[in-house]
C-alpha atoms as a PDB file:
ATOM      1  CA  GLN A   1      14.152   9.447   6.259  1.00  0.00           C
ATOM      2  CA  VAL A   2      10.952   8.248   7.193  1.00  0.00           C
ATOM      3  CA  GLN A   3       9.779   5.232   9.151  1.00  0.00           C
ATOM      4  CA  LEU A   4       6.798   3.428   7.972  1.00  0.00           C
ATOM      5  CA  VAL A   5       4.279   1.414  10.238  1.00  0.00           C
ATOM      6  CA  GLU A   6       1.095  -0.367   8.505  1.00  0.00           C
ATOM      7  CA  SER A   7      -2.053  -1.404  10.046  1.00  0.00           C
ATOM      8  CA  GLY A   8      -5.657  -2.430   9.140  1.00  0.00           C
ATOM      9  CA  GLY A   9      -4.786  -6.064   7.967  1.00  0.00           C
ATOM     10  CA  GLY A  10      -6.941  -8.966   8.865  1.00  0.00           C
ATOM     11  CA  LEU A  11      -9.184 -11.819   7.670  1.00  0.00           C
ATOM     12  CA  VAL A  12     -12.262 -11.084   5.452  1.00  0.00           C
ATOM     13  CA  GLN A  13     -14.539 -13.007   3.341  1.00  0.00           C
ATOM     14  CA  ALA A  14     -14.333 -12.772  -0.494  1.00  0.00           C
ATOM     15  CA  GLY A  15     -16.254  -9.644  -1.557  1.00  0.00           C
ATOM     16  CA  GLY A  16     -15.357  -7.814   1.503  1.00  0.00           C
ATOM     17  CA  SER A  17     -13.482  -4.603   2.327  1.00  0.00           C
ATOM     18  CA  LEU A  18     -10.501  -3.581   4.346  1.00  0.00           C
ATOM     19  CA  ARG A  19      -8.719  -0.419   4.678  1.00  0.00           C
ATOM     20  CA  LEU A  20      -4.856  -0.397   5.192  1.00  0.00           C
ATOM     21  CA  SER A  21      -3.086   2.535   6.869  1.00  0.00           C
ATOM     22  CA  CYS A  22       0.611   3.488   6.788  1.00  0.00           C
ATOM     23  CA  ALA A  23       1.505   5.706   9.164  1.00  0.00           C
ATOM     24  CA  GLY A  24       4.830   7.839   8.460  1.00  0.00           C
ATOM     25  CA  SER A  25       7.224   9.736  10.852  1.00  0.00           C
ATOM     26  CA  GLY A  26       9.267  12.508  10.195  1.00  0.00           C
ATOM     27  CA  ARG A  27       8.552  16.270   8.783  1.00  0.00           C
ATOM     28  CA  THR A  28       9.063  15.565   5.466  1.00  0.00           C
ATOM     29  CA  PHE A  29       6.359  12.856   4.838  1.00  0.00           C
ATOM     30  CA  SER A  30       4.507  14.991   2.675  1.00  0.00           C
ATOM     31  CA  SER A  31       7.373  15.336   0.300  1.00  0.00           C
ATOM     32  CA  TYR A  32       7.603  11.655  -0.478  1.00  0.00           C
ATOM     33  CA  ASN A  33       5.701   9.326  -3.006  1.00  0.00           C
ATOM     34  CA  MET A  34       4.198   6.539  -1.344  1.00  0.00           C
ATOM     35  CA  GLY A  35       3.487   2.968  -2.710  1.00  0.00           C
ATOM     36  CA  TRP A  36       1.966  -0.190  -1.442  1.00  0.00           C
ATOM     37  CA  PHE A  37       3.058  -3.607  -2.390  1.00  0.00           C
ATOM     38  CA  ARG A  38       2.256  -7.022  -1.564  1.00  0.00           C
ATOM     39  CA  GLN A  39       3.676 -10.400  -1.314  1.00  0.00           C
ATOM     40  CA  ALA A  40       2.166 -13.783  -1.245  1.00  0.00           C
ATOM     41  CA  PRO A  41       4.102 -17.060  -0.050  1.00  0.00           C
ATOM     42  CA  GLY A  42       6.246 -18.309  -2.549  1.00  0.00           C
ATOM     43  CA  THR A  43       6.113 -15.435  -4.882  1.00  0.00           C
ATOM     44  CA  GLU A  44       8.007 -12.089  -5.425  1.00  0.00           C
ATOM     45  CA  ARG A  45       6.897  -8.709  -3.991  1.00  0.00           C
ATOM     46  CA  GLU A  46       4.693  -7.049  -6.562  1.00  0.00           C
ATOM     47  CA  PHE A  47       3.237  -3.351  -7.099  1.00  0.00           C
ATOM     48  CA  VAL A  48      -0.139  -2.549  -6.048  1.00  0.00           C
ATOM     49  CA  SER A  49      -0.518   1.152  -6.096  1.00  0.00           C
ATOM     50  CA  ALA A  50       1.219   4.339  -5.616  1.00  0.00           C
ATOM     51  CA  ILE A  51       0.451   8.108  -4.803  1.00  0.00           C
ATOM     52  CA  SER A  52       2.506  10.929  -5.492  1.00  0.00           C
ATOM     53  CA  TRP A  53       3.197  13.840  -2.987  1.00  0.00           C
ATOM     54  CA  SER A  54       0.918  16.007  -5.229  1.00  0.00           C
ATOM     55  CA  GLY A  55      -1.740  13.270  -5.246  1.00  0.00           C
ATOM     56  CA  ASN A  56      -1.324  11.478  -8.464  1.00  0.00           C
ATOM     57  CA  THR A  57      -2.309   7.945  -8.512  1.00  0.00           C
ATOM     58  CA  TYR A  58      -1.235   4.734 -10.297  1.00  0.00           C
ATOM     59  CA  TYR A  59      -2.501   1.156  -9.749  1.00  0.00           C
ATOM     60  CA  ALA A  60      -1.806  -2.465 -11.103  1.00  0.00           C
ATOM     61  CA  ASP A  61      -4.166  -3.771 -13.591  1.00  0.00           C
ATOM     62  CA  SER A  62      -5.124  -6.442 -11.011  1.00  0.00           C
ATOM     63  CA  VAL A  63      -6.488  -3.975  -8.404  1.00  0.00           C
ATOM     64  CA  LYS A  64      -7.846  -1.210 -10.868  1.00  0.00           C
ATOM     65  CA  GLY A  65     -11.342  -0.233  -9.846  1.00  0.00           C
ATOM     66  CA  ARG A  66     -11.487  -2.209  -6.683  1.00  0.00           C
ATOM     67  CA  PHE A  67      -8.606  -0.387  -4.568  1.00  0.00           C
ATOM     68  CA  THR A  68      -8.199   3.222  -3.869  1.00  0.00           C
ATOM     69  CA  ILE A  69      -5.125   4.664  -2.443  1.00  0.00           C
ATOM     70  CA  SER A  70      -5.048   8.128  -0.695  1.00  0.00           C
ATOM     71  CA  ARG A  71      -3.040  10.107   1.628  1.00  0.00           C
ATOM     72  CA  ASP A  72      -3.594  12.568   4.491  1.00  0.00           C
ATOM     73  CA  ASN A  73      -0.385  14.682   4.630  1.00  0.00           C
ATOM     74  CA  ALA A  74      -1.463  16.399   7.830  1.00  0.00           C
ATOM     75  CA  LYS A  75      -1.723  13.099   9.483  1.00  0.00           C
ATOM     76  CA  SER A  76       1.246  11.737   7.765  1.00  0.00           C
ATOM     77  CA  THR A  77      -0.855   8.931   6.553  1.00  0.00           C
ATOM     78  CA  VAL A  78      -1.608   6.847   3.348  1.00  0.00           C
ATOM     79  CA  TYR A  79      -4.379   4.607   2.887  1.00  0.00           C
ATOM     80  CA  LEU A  80      -5.307   1.565   0.840  1.00  0.00           C
ATOM     81  CA  GLN A  81      -9.145   1.078   0.477  1.00  0.00           C
ATOM     82  CA  MET A  82      -9.661  -2.459  -0.778  1.00  0.00           C
ATOM     83  CA  ASN A  83     -13.034  -3.245  -2.031  1.00  0.00           C
ATOM     84  CA  SER A  84     -14.511  -6.560  -3.606  1.00  0.00           C
ATOM     85  CA  LEU A  85     -11.444  -8.500  -2.157  1.00  0.00           C
ATOM     86  CA  LYS A  86     -10.645 -11.941  -3.777  1.00  0.00           C
ATOM     87  CA  PRO A  87      -8.653 -14.978  -2.112  1.00  0.00           C
ATOM     88  CA  GLU A  88      -5.883 -14.031  -4.784  1.00  0.00           C
ATOM     89  CA  ASP A  89      -5.341 -10.521  -2.816  1.00  0.00           C
ATOM     90  CA  THR A  90      -4.234 -12.589   0.051  1.00  0.00           C
ATOM     91  CA  ALA A  91      -0.522 -11.435   0.879  1.00  0.00           C
ATOM     92  CA  VAL A  92       1.455  -9.433   3.141  1.00  0.00           C
ATOM     93  CA  TYR A  93       0.929  -5.962   2.419  1.00  0.00           C
ATOM     94  CA  TYR A  94       3.677  -3.523   2.405  1.00  0.00           C
ATOM     95  CA  CYS A  95       3.763   0.399   2.741  1.00  0.00           C
ATOM     96  CA  ALA A  96       6.820   2.020   0.799  1.00  0.00           C
ATOM     97  CA  ALA A  97       8.092   5.568   0.342  1.00  0.00           C
ATOM     98  CA  ASP A  98      10.624   7.271  -2.063  1.00  0.00           C
ATOM     99  CA  PRO A  99      11.593  10.685  -3.115  1.00  0.00           C
ATOM    100  CA  GLU A 100      11.079   9.719  -6.711  1.00  0.00           C
ATOM    101  CA  TRP A 101       7.838   9.257  -8.769  1.00  0.00           C
ATOM    102  CA  GLY A 102       7.330   6.959 -11.397  1.00  0.00           C
ATOM    103  CA  ASN A 103       8.731   3.367  -9.894  1.00  0.00           C
ATOM    104  CA  TRP A 104       6.495   0.436  -9.886  1.00  0.00           C
ATOM    105  CA  TYR A 105       8.973  -2.180  -8.575  1.00  0.00           C
ATOM    106  CA  PRO A 106      10.313  -2.667  -5.033  1.00  0.00           C
ATOM    107  CA  GLY A 107      13.674  -1.613  -5.979  1.00  0.00           C
ATOM    108  CA  GLY A 108      12.363   1.890  -6.743  1.00  0.00           C
ATOM    109  CA  TYR A 109      11.521   2.534  -3.160  1.00  0.00           C
ATOM    110  CA  ARG A 110      13.831   3.335  -0.406  1.00  0.00           C
ATOM    111  CA  TYR A 111      11.994   3.207   2.960  1.00  0.00           C
ATOM    112  CA  TRP A 112       9.606   0.181   3.901  1.00  0.00           C
ATOM    113  CA  GLY A 113       7.232  -0.890   6.916  1.00  0.00           C
ATOM    114  CA  GLU A 114       7.177  -4.149   8.366  1.00  0.00           C
ATOM    115  CA  GLY A 115       3.934  -5.015   6.557  1.00  0.00           C
ATOM    116  CA  THR A 116       0.451  -6.274   7.650  1.00  0.00           C
ATOM    117  CA  GLN A 117      -1.186  -9.532   6.792  1.00  0.00           C
ATOM    118  CA  VAL A 118      -4.552  -9.690   4.608  1.00  0.00           C
ATOM    119  CA  THR A 119      -6.382 -13.005   4.298  1.00  0.00           C
ATOM    120  CA  VAL A 120      -9.440 -13.461   1.989  1.00  0.00           C
ATOM    121  CA  SER A 121     -11.387 -16.390   2.665  1.00  0.00           C
ATOM    122  CA  SER A 122     -13.391 -17.846  -0.139  1.00  0.00           C
END
């Protein structure tokens, strides 16, 4: 089991950058595949990016080229660097973990954080 805590959200102007962090607890963090999801008001939670335990990455088309996911297993932390932010990126961003790789939907992840709010003003 792993507990996840997100941080780094905030208010930023369009075109700006933010880096989200997700700190995990537990000695087995390095064995989990990690994902970032987001949910805007009135919408379903959607996949943003994922990174495998070995460092393979995958991105939603909407963020490809703007967002970068990375992980530091020594710190049990996964990051989401968000550049060139747009108002449509506004959402609560969630970190998630699962032993299996290849899931790009919320139901494919077993463990979740509480989320961090990202607001991009135009």
